Amino acid sequence: MNTYVTSDLHFCHDREFIYKPRGFDSIYDMEEKIIENWNNKVNDDDIVYVLGDFALGMDEHRLNNIISRLKGNIKLIIGNHDTDKKL
């Protein structure tokens, strides 16, 4: 089992200033690449601490869909984008 730490993934933060500097043409392209990279590194029994800003402006169904696709045991530390008003 491994432990990983990450932050500021900004799933569903559909603003060019988030995904364009990361080299993507859309938020969907960025999200798919993050999921792919995550799952290539993380195993099912690993622990992943997300230190805030996991997602923004997402409905619960979409959030659950993304989380269900990510390997590991995710521990979310709430960031300013992860409030109930923005999720």
C-alpha atoms as a PDB file:
ATOM      1  CA  MET A   1       0.000   0.000   0.000  1.00  0.00           C
ATOM      2  CA  ASN A   2       1.213   3.496  -0.923  1.00  0.00           C
ATOM      3  CA  THR A   3       0.134   6.931   0.216  1.00  0.00           C
ATOM      4  CA  TYR A   4      -0.162   9.833  -2.215  1.00  0.00           C
ATOM      5  CA  VAL A   5      -0.884  13.539  -1.745  1.00  0.00           C
ATOM      6  CA  THR A   6      -2.319  15.868  -4.385  1.00  0.00           C
ATOM      7  CA  SER A   7      -4.398  19.036  -4.632  1.00  0.00           C
ATOM      8  CA  ASP A   8      -6.096  21.464  -6.981  1.00  0.00           C
ATOM      9  CA  LEU A   9      -7.391  18.944  -9.476  1.00  0.00           C
ATOM     10  CA  HIS A  10     -10.282  21.293 -10.296  1.00  0.00           C
ATOM     11  CA  PHE A  11     -12.579  18.704 -11.807  1.00  0.00           C
ATOM     12  CA  CYS A  12     -15.456  20.449 -13.588  1.00  0.00           C
ATOM     13  CA  HIS A  13     -13.902  23.903 -13.254  1.00  0.00           C
ATOM     14  CA  ASP A  14     -14.829  24.867 -16.797  1.00  0.00           C
ATOM     15  CA  ARG A  15     -12.693  27.966 -17.218  1.00  0.00           C
ATOM     16  CA  GLU A  16      -9.943  28.299 -19.785  1.00  0.00           C
ATOM     17  CA  PHE A  17      -7.514  29.645 -17.180  1.00  0.00           C
ATOM     18  CA  ILE A  18      -7.674  26.210 -15.502  1.00  0.00           C
ATOM     19  CA  TYR A  19      -7.367  23.765 -18.392  1.00  0.00           C
ATOM     20  CA  LYS A  20      -5.598  25.810 -21.107  1.00  0.00           C
ATOM     21  CA  PRO A  21      -2.363  26.385 -19.123  1.00  0.00           C
ATOM     22  CA  ARG A  22      -2.329  22.650 -18.444  1.00  0.00           C
ATOM     23  CA  GLY A  23      -2.298  22.039 -22.212  1.00  0.00           C
ATOM     24  CA  PHE A  24      -5.898  20.947 -22.786  1.00  0.00           C
ATOM     25  CA  ASP A  25      -8.582  22.152 -25.186  1.00  0.00           C
ATOM     26  CA  SER A  26     -11.466  21.430 -22.812  1.00  0.00           C
ATOM     27  CA  ILE A  27     -12.253  20.579 -19.211  1.00  0.00           C
ATOM     28  CA  TYR A  28     -13.356  17.117 -20.361  1.00  0.00           C
ATOM     29  CA  ASP A  29      -9.979  16.395 -21.980  1.00  0.00           C
ATOM     30  CA  MET A  30      -8.234  17.501 -18.781  1.00  0.00           C
ATOM     31  CA  GLU A  31     -10.483  15.383 -16.561  1.00  0.00           C
ATOM     32  CA  GLU A  32      -9.989  12.256 -18.659  1.00  0.00           C
ATOM     33  CA  LYS A  33      -6.207  12.681 -18.570  1.00  0.00           C
ATOM     34  CA  ILE A  34      -6.188  13.222 -14.799  1.00  0.00           C
ATOM     35  CA  ILE A  35      -8.275  10.054 -14.335  1.00  0.00           C
ATOM     36  CA  GLU A  36      -5.994   8.092 -16.674  1.00  0.00           C
ATOM     37  CA  ASN A  37      -2.798   9.306 -14.966  1.00  0.00           C
ATOM     38  CA  TRP A  38      -4.261   8.737 -11.496  1.00  0.00           C
ATOM     39  CA  ASN A  39      -5.275   5.152 -12.292  1.00  0.00           C
ATOM     40  CA  ASN A  40      -1.921   4.394 -13.911  1.00  0.00           C
ATOM     41  CA  LYS A  41      -0.193   5.294 -10.622  1.00  0.00           C
ATOM     42  CA  VAL A  42      -2.673   4.498  -7.829  1.00  0.00           C
ATOM     43  CA  ASN A  43      -3.735   0.975  -6.843  1.00  0.00           C
ATOM     44  CA  ASP A  44      -7.050   0.044  -5.239  1.00  0.00           C
ATOM     45  CA  ASP A  45      -5.521  -0.336  -1.763  1.00  0.00           C
ATOM     46  CA  ASP A  46      -3.555   2.951  -1.860  1.00  0.00           C
ATOM     47  CA  ILE A  47      -4.561   6.031   0.128  1.00  0.00           C
ATOM     48  CA  VAL A  48      -4.787   9.374  -1.688  1.00  0.00           C
ATOM     49  CA  TYR A  49      -5.061  12.626   0.248  1.00  0.00           C
ATOM     50  CA  VAL A  50      -6.549  15.437  -1.837  1.00  0.00           C
ATOM     51  CA  LEU A  51      -5.651  18.726  -0.135  1.00  0.00           C
ATOM     52  CA  GLY A  52      -8.527  20.780  -1.433  1.00  0.00           C
ATOM     53  CA  ASP A  53     -10.053  22.001  -4.665  1.00  0.00           C
ATOM     54  CA  PHE A  54     -11.015  18.602  -5.960  1.00  0.00           C
ATOM     55  CA  ALA A  55     -14.044  19.909  -7.861  1.00  0.00           C
ATOM     56  CA  LEU A  56     -16.084  23.008  -8.591  1.00  0.00           C
ATOM     57  CA  GLY A  57     -19.670  23.524  -9.661  1.00  0.00           C
ATOM     58  CA  MET A  58     -20.432  19.864 -10.079  1.00  0.00           C
ATOM     59  CA  ASP A  59     -23.679  18.106  -9.381  1.00  0.00           C
ATOM     60  CA  GLU A  60     -23.617  15.101  -7.055  1.00  0.00           C
ATOM     61  CA  HIS A  61     -24.169  12.580  -9.878  1.00  0.00           C
ATOM     62  CA  ARG A  62     -21.166  13.839 -11.856  1.00  0.00           C
ATOM     63  CA  LEU A  63     -19.009  13.995  -8.731  1.00  0.00           C
ATOM     64  CA  ASN A  64     -19.878  10.405  -7.811  1.00  0.00           C
ATOM     65  CA  ASN A  65     -19.168   9.286 -11.380  1.00  0.00           C
ATOM     66  CA  ILE A  66     -15.656  10.785 -11.291  1.00  0.00           C
ATOM     67  CA  ILE A  67     -14.884   9.456  -7.808  1.00  0.00           C
ATOM     68  CA  SER A  68     -16.089   5.968  -8.767  1.00  0.00           C
ATOM     69  CA  ARG A  69     -13.593   5.922 -11.637  1.00  0.00           C
ATOM     70  CA  LEU A  70     -10.600   6.783  -9.429  1.00  0.00           C
ATOM     71  CA  LYS A  71      -8.615   4.004  -7.767  1.00  0.00           C
ATOM     72  CA  GLY A  72      -7.620   4.108  -4.131  1.00  0.00           C
ATOM     73  CA  ASN A  73      -9.130   5.264  -0.877  1.00  0.00           C
ATOM     74  CA  ILE A  74      -9.625   9.025  -1.300  1.00  0.00           C
ATOM     75  CA  LYS A  75      -9.373  11.310   1.716  1.00  0.00           C
ATOM     76  CA  LEU A  76     -10.637  14.773   0.766  1.00  0.00           C
ATOM     77  CA  ILE A  77      -9.512  17.790   2.742  1.00  0.00           C
ATOM     78  CA  ILE A  78     -12.106  20.441   1.879  1.00  0.00           C
ATOM     79  CA  GLY A  79     -10.789  23.439  -0.060  1.00  0.00           C
ATOM     80  CA  ASN A  80     -12.450  26.719  -0.945  1.00  0.00           C
ATOM     81  CA  HIS A  81     -13.911  25.166  -4.128  1.00  0.00           C
ATOM     82  CA  ASP A  82     -15.203  22.082  -2.319  1.00  0.00           C
ATOM     83  CA  THR A  83     -18.035  23.698  -0.391  1.00  0.00           C
ATOM     84  CA  ASP A  84     -21.665  22.652  -0.565  1.00  0.00           C
ATOM     85  CA  LYS A  85     -22.392  25.827  -2.511  1.00  0.00           C
ATOM     86  CA  LYS A  86     -19.929  24.830  -5.230  1.00  0.00           C
ATOM     87  CA  LEU A  87     -20.272  21.030  -5.350  1.00  0.00           C
END
